[in-house]
Amino acid sequence: MKVACDGDRIVFKSAAPQAGFQFVQREIGEEQVNIDFESEDHTSTFQASCENGQVKESINEYDGHENHGGDDD
């Protein structure tokens, strides 16, 4: 996953899933990028935003295809 900051605005550049995974776009906006990479039995959720001009990112891993959308801060 490639993202960058333009001030406090996140800029999505590209996404390349690993073998066996597909890219599922959830949200790409100026404040946050949320992307899922799904395989037959696993989901990786990538989230990124900008804070003080720096990329702040997290990756969550899920077995199966659980409903993991929404806020879970």
N, C-alpha and C. Protein backbone atom coordinates (compact mmCIF):
# COMPACT_ATOMS: atom_id res chain seq x y z
N MET A 1 0.85 -1.16 0.00
CA MET A 1 0.00 0.00 0.00
C MET A 1 0.90 1.22 0.00
N LYS A 2 0.62 2.14 -0.89
CA LYS A 2 1.39 3.38 -0.92
C LYS A 2 0.45 4.56 -0.75
N VAL A 3 0.75 5.36 0.29
CA VAL A 3 0.02 6.60 0.57
C VAL A 3 1.06 7.64 0.95
N ALA A 4 0.67 8.90 0.88
CA ALA A 4 1.55 10.00 1.27
C ALA A 4 0.68 11.11 1.85
N CYS A 5 1.33 12.03 2.54
CA CYS A 5 0.64 13.18 3.10
C CYS A 5 0.94 14.42 2.29
N ASP A 6 -0.09 15.22 2.08
CA ASP A 6 0.04 16.56 1.52
C ASP A 6 -0.55 17.47 2.59
N GLY A 7 0.30 17.89 3.51
CA GLY A 7 -0.20 18.58 4.71
C GLY A 7 -0.91 17.56 5.57
N ASP A 8 -2.16 17.84 5.93
CA ASP A 8 -2.96 16.87 6.69
C ASP A 8 -3.93 16.11 5.79
N ARG A 9 -3.70 16.15 4.49
CA ARG A 9 -4.54 15.43 3.53
C ARG A 9 -3.81 14.16 3.09
N ILE A 10 -4.51 13.01 3.15
CA ILE A 10 -3.92 11.74 2.74
C ILE A 10 -4.08 11.59 1.23
N VAL A 11 -3.04 11.09 0.58
CA VAL A 11 -3.06 10.89 -0.86
C VAL A 11 -2.80 9.41 -1.13
N PHE A 12 -3.78 8.72 -1.70
CA PHE A 12 -3.64 7.31 -2.07
C PHE A 12 -2.86 7.21 -3.36
N LYS A 13 -1.81 6.39 -3.38
CA LYS A 13 -0.98 6.23 -4.57
C LYS A 13 -1.23 4.90 -5.26
N SER A 14 -1.18 3.78 -4.53
CA SER A 14 -1.40 2.48 -5.15
C SER A 14 -1.62 1.40 -4.10
N ALA A 15 -2.14 0.26 -4.57
CA ALA A 15 -2.33 -0.91 -3.73
C ALA A 15 -2.05 -2.14 -4.58
N ALA A 16 -1.27 -3.06 -4.05
CA ALA A 16 -0.93 -4.29 -4.76
C ALA A 16 -1.09 -5.47 -3.80
N PRO A 17 -2.16 -6.24 -3.96
CA PRO A 17 -2.37 -7.37 -3.05
C PRO A 17 -1.35 -8.48 -3.27
N GLN A 18 -1.07 -9.24 -2.21
CA GLN A 18 -0.20 -10.39 -2.32
C GLN A 18 -0.95 -11.50 -3.06
N ALA A 19 -0.22 -12.51 -3.52
CA ALA A 19 -0.81 -13.64 -4.24
C ALA A 19 -1.94 -14.25 -3.40
N GLY A 20 -3.07 -14.50 -4.04
CA GLY A 20 -4.22 -15.10 -3.37
C GLY A 20 -5.17 -14.11 -2.74
N PHE A 21 -4.82 -12.83 -2.77
CA PHE A 21 -5.67 -11.79 -2.19
C PHE A 21 -6.19 -10.89 -3.30
N GLN A 22 -7.35 -10.30 -3.05
CA GLN A 22 -7.88 -9.30 -3.97
C GLN A 22 -8.05 -7.99 -3.22
N PHE A 23 -7.94 -6.91 -3.93
CA PHE A 23 -8.06 -5.55 -3.42
C PHE A 23 -9.54 -5.19 -3.39
N VAL A 24 -10.03 -4.75 -2.24
CA VAL A 24 -11.41 -4.32 -2.09
C VAL A 24 -11.39 -2.91 -1.53
N GLN A 25 -11.77 -1.94 -2.35
CA GLN A 25 -11.78 -0.54 -1.92
C GLN A 25 -12.96 -0.30 -0.99
N ARG A 26 -12.68 0.25 0.17
CA ARG A 26 -13.74 0.61 1.10
C ARG A 26 -13.97 2.11 1.11
N GLU A 27 -12.89 2.88 1.31
CA GLU A 27 -13.02 4.34 1.37
C GLU A 27 -11.67 4.96 1.03
N ILE A 28 -11.68 5.85 0.08
CA ILE A 28 -10.50 6.63 -0.22
C ILE A 28 -10.94 8.09 -0.26
N GLY A 29 -10.53 8.85 0.74
CA GLY A 29 -10.91 10.25 0.83
C GLY A 29 -9.72 11.11 1.20
N GLU A 30 -9.97 12.38 1.41
CA GLU A 30 -8.90 13.31 1.76
C GLU A 30 -8.44 13.17 3.20
N GLU A 31 -9.31 12.61 4.07
CA GLU A 31 -8.97 12.49 5.48
C GLU A 31 -8.52 11.09 5.88
N GLN A 32 -8.98 10.08 5.15
CA GLN A 32 -8.66 8.71 5.54
C GLN A 32 -8.75 7.78 4.34
N VAL A 33 -7.91 6.73 4.36
CA VAL A 33 -7.94 5.66 3.37
C VAL A 33 -8.20 4.37 4.12
N ASN A 34 -9.22 3.62 3.71
CA ASN A 34 -9.54 2.31 4.27
C ASN A 34 -9.61 1.32 3.12
N ILE A 35 -8.76 0.30 3.16
CA ILE A 35 -8.69 -0.69 2.10
C ILE A 35 -8.71 -2.08 2.73
N ASP A 36 -9.42 -3.01 2.09
CA ASP A 36 -9.37 -4.41 2.49
C ASP A 36 -8.64 -5.20 1.42
N PHE A 37 -7.87 -6.17 1.86
CA PHE A 37 -7.29 -7.18 0.99
C PHE A 37 -7.89 -8.50 1.46
N GLU A 38 -8.61 -9.20 0.58
CA GLU A 38 -9.32 -10.41 0.97
C GLU A 38 -8.81 -11.62 0.21
N SER A 39 -8.68 -12.74 0.95
CA SER A 39 -8.42 -14.03 0.33
C SER A 39 -9.63 -14.90 0.64
N GLU A 40 -9.52 -16.16 0.32
CA GLU A 40 -10.64 -17.08 0.57
C GLU A 40 -10.98 -17.18 2.05
N ASP A 41 -9.97 -17.07 2.93
CA ASP A 41 -10.22 -17.26 4.35
C ASP A 41 -9.58 -16.22 5.27
N HIS A 42 -9.17 -15.09 4.71
CA HIS A 42 -8.51 -14.07 5.52
C HIS A 42 -8.76 -12.68 4.93
N THR A 43 -8.84 -11.69 5.82
CA THR A 43 -8.97 -10.29 5.41
C THR A 43 -7.94 -9.46 6.16
N SER A 44 -7.23 -8.61 5.45
CA SER A 44 -6.33 -7.63 6.03
C SER A 44 -6.92 -6.26 5.74
N THR A 45 -7.13 -5.46 6.78
CA THR A 45 -7.70 -4.13 6.64
C THR A 45 -6.62 -3.09 6.91
N PHE A 46 -6.40 -2.23 5.93
CA PHE A 46 -5.39 -1.18 6.01
C PHE A 46 -6.10 0.15 6.19
N GLN A 47 -5.66 0.94 7.17
CA GLN A 47 -6.22 2.27 7.41
C GLN A 47 -5.07 3.26 7.50
N ALA A 48 -5.22 4.41 6.86
CA ALA A 48 -4.19 5.44 6.91
C ALA A 48 -4.83 6.82 6.94
N SER A 49 -4.15 7.73 7.65
CA SER A 49 -4.55 9.14 7.69
C SER A 49 -3.27 9.94 7.91
N CYS A 50 -3.40 11.24 7.90
CA CYS A 50 -2.24 12.11 8.13
C CYS A 50 -2.43 12.86 9.44
N GLU A 51 -1.34 12.94 10.19
CA GLU A 51 -1.35 13.67 11.44
C GLU A 51 -0.08 14.50 11.51
N ASN A 52 -0.23 15.80 11.54
CA ASN A 52 0.92 16.71 11.54
C ASN A 52 1.85 16.46 10.35
N GLY A 53 1.25 16.16 9.19
CA GLY A 53 2.02 15.96 7.98
C GLY A 53 2.69 14.61 7.86
N GLN A 54 2.42 13.69 8.80
CA GLN A 54 3.02 12.35 8.79
C GLN A 54 1.94 11.29 8.62
N VAL A 55 2.26 10.24 7.86
CA VAL A 55 1.31 9.14 7.67
C VAL A 55 1.17 8.38 8.98
N LYS A 56 -0.08 8.16 9.37
CA LYS A 56 -0.42 7.34 10.53
C LYS A 56 -1.22 6.17 9.97
N GLU A 57 -0.69 4.93 10.11
CA GLU A 57 -1.36 3.78 9.52
C GLU A 57 -1.50 2.63 10.50
N SER A 58 -2.48 1.78 10.20
CA SER A 58 -2.67 0.56 10.98
C SER A 58 -3.15 -0.54 10.05
N ILE A 59 -2.85 -1.77 10.44
CA ILE A 59 -3.30 -2.95 9.70
C ILE A 59 -3.92 -3.91 10.70
N ASN A 60 -5.13 -4.35 10.39
CA ASN A 60 -5.82 -5.33 11.23
C ASN A 60 -6.03 -6.60 10.42
N GLU A 61 -5.86 -7.74 11.08
CA GLU A 61 -5.97 -9.04 10.43
C GLU A 61 -7.20 -9.77 10.96
N TYR A 62 -7.96 -10.41 10.06
CA TYR A 62 -9.17 -11.14 10.43
C TYR A 62 -9.18 -12.49 9.71
N ASP A 63 -9.50 -13.54 10.45
CA ASP A 63 -9.73 -14.84 9.82
C ASP A 63 -11.16 -14.88 9.34
N GLY A 64 -11.38 -15.42 8.16
CA GLY A 64 -12.72 -15.46 7.58
C GLY A 64 -13.10 -14.10 7.04
N HIS A 65 -14.39 -13.89 6.84
CA HIS A 65 -14.89 -12.62 6.31
C HIS A 65 -15.87 -12.02 7.31
N GLU A 66 -15.36 -11.67 8.48
CA GLU A 66 -16.18 -11.05 9.51
C GLU A 66 -16.61 -9.67 9.07
N ASN A 67 -17.70 -9.19 9.62
CA ASN A 67 -18.11 -7.81 9.37
C ASN A 67 -17.26 -6.92 10.26
N HIS A 68 -16.29 -6.23 9.66
CA HIS A 68 -15.37 -5.40 10.44
C HIS A 68 -15.41 -3.95 10.01
N GLY A 69 -16.48 -3.53 9.40
CA GLY A 69 -16.63 -2.14 9.00
C GLY A 69 -17.06 -1.30 10.17
N GLY A 70 -17.05 0.00 9.98
CA GLY A 70 -17.52 0.92 11.02
C GLY A 70 -16.41 1.30 11.98
N ASP A 71 -16.79 2.02 13.02
CA ASP A 71 -15.83 2.51 14.00
C ASP A 71 -15.61 1.48 15.09
N ASP A 72 -14.35 1.16 15.34
CA ASP A 72 -14.05 0.27 16.46
C ASP A 72 -12.84 0.80 17.21
N ASP A 73 -12.84 2.12 17.44
CA ASP A 73 -11.73 2.76 18.16
C ASP A 73 -11.74 2.38 19.61
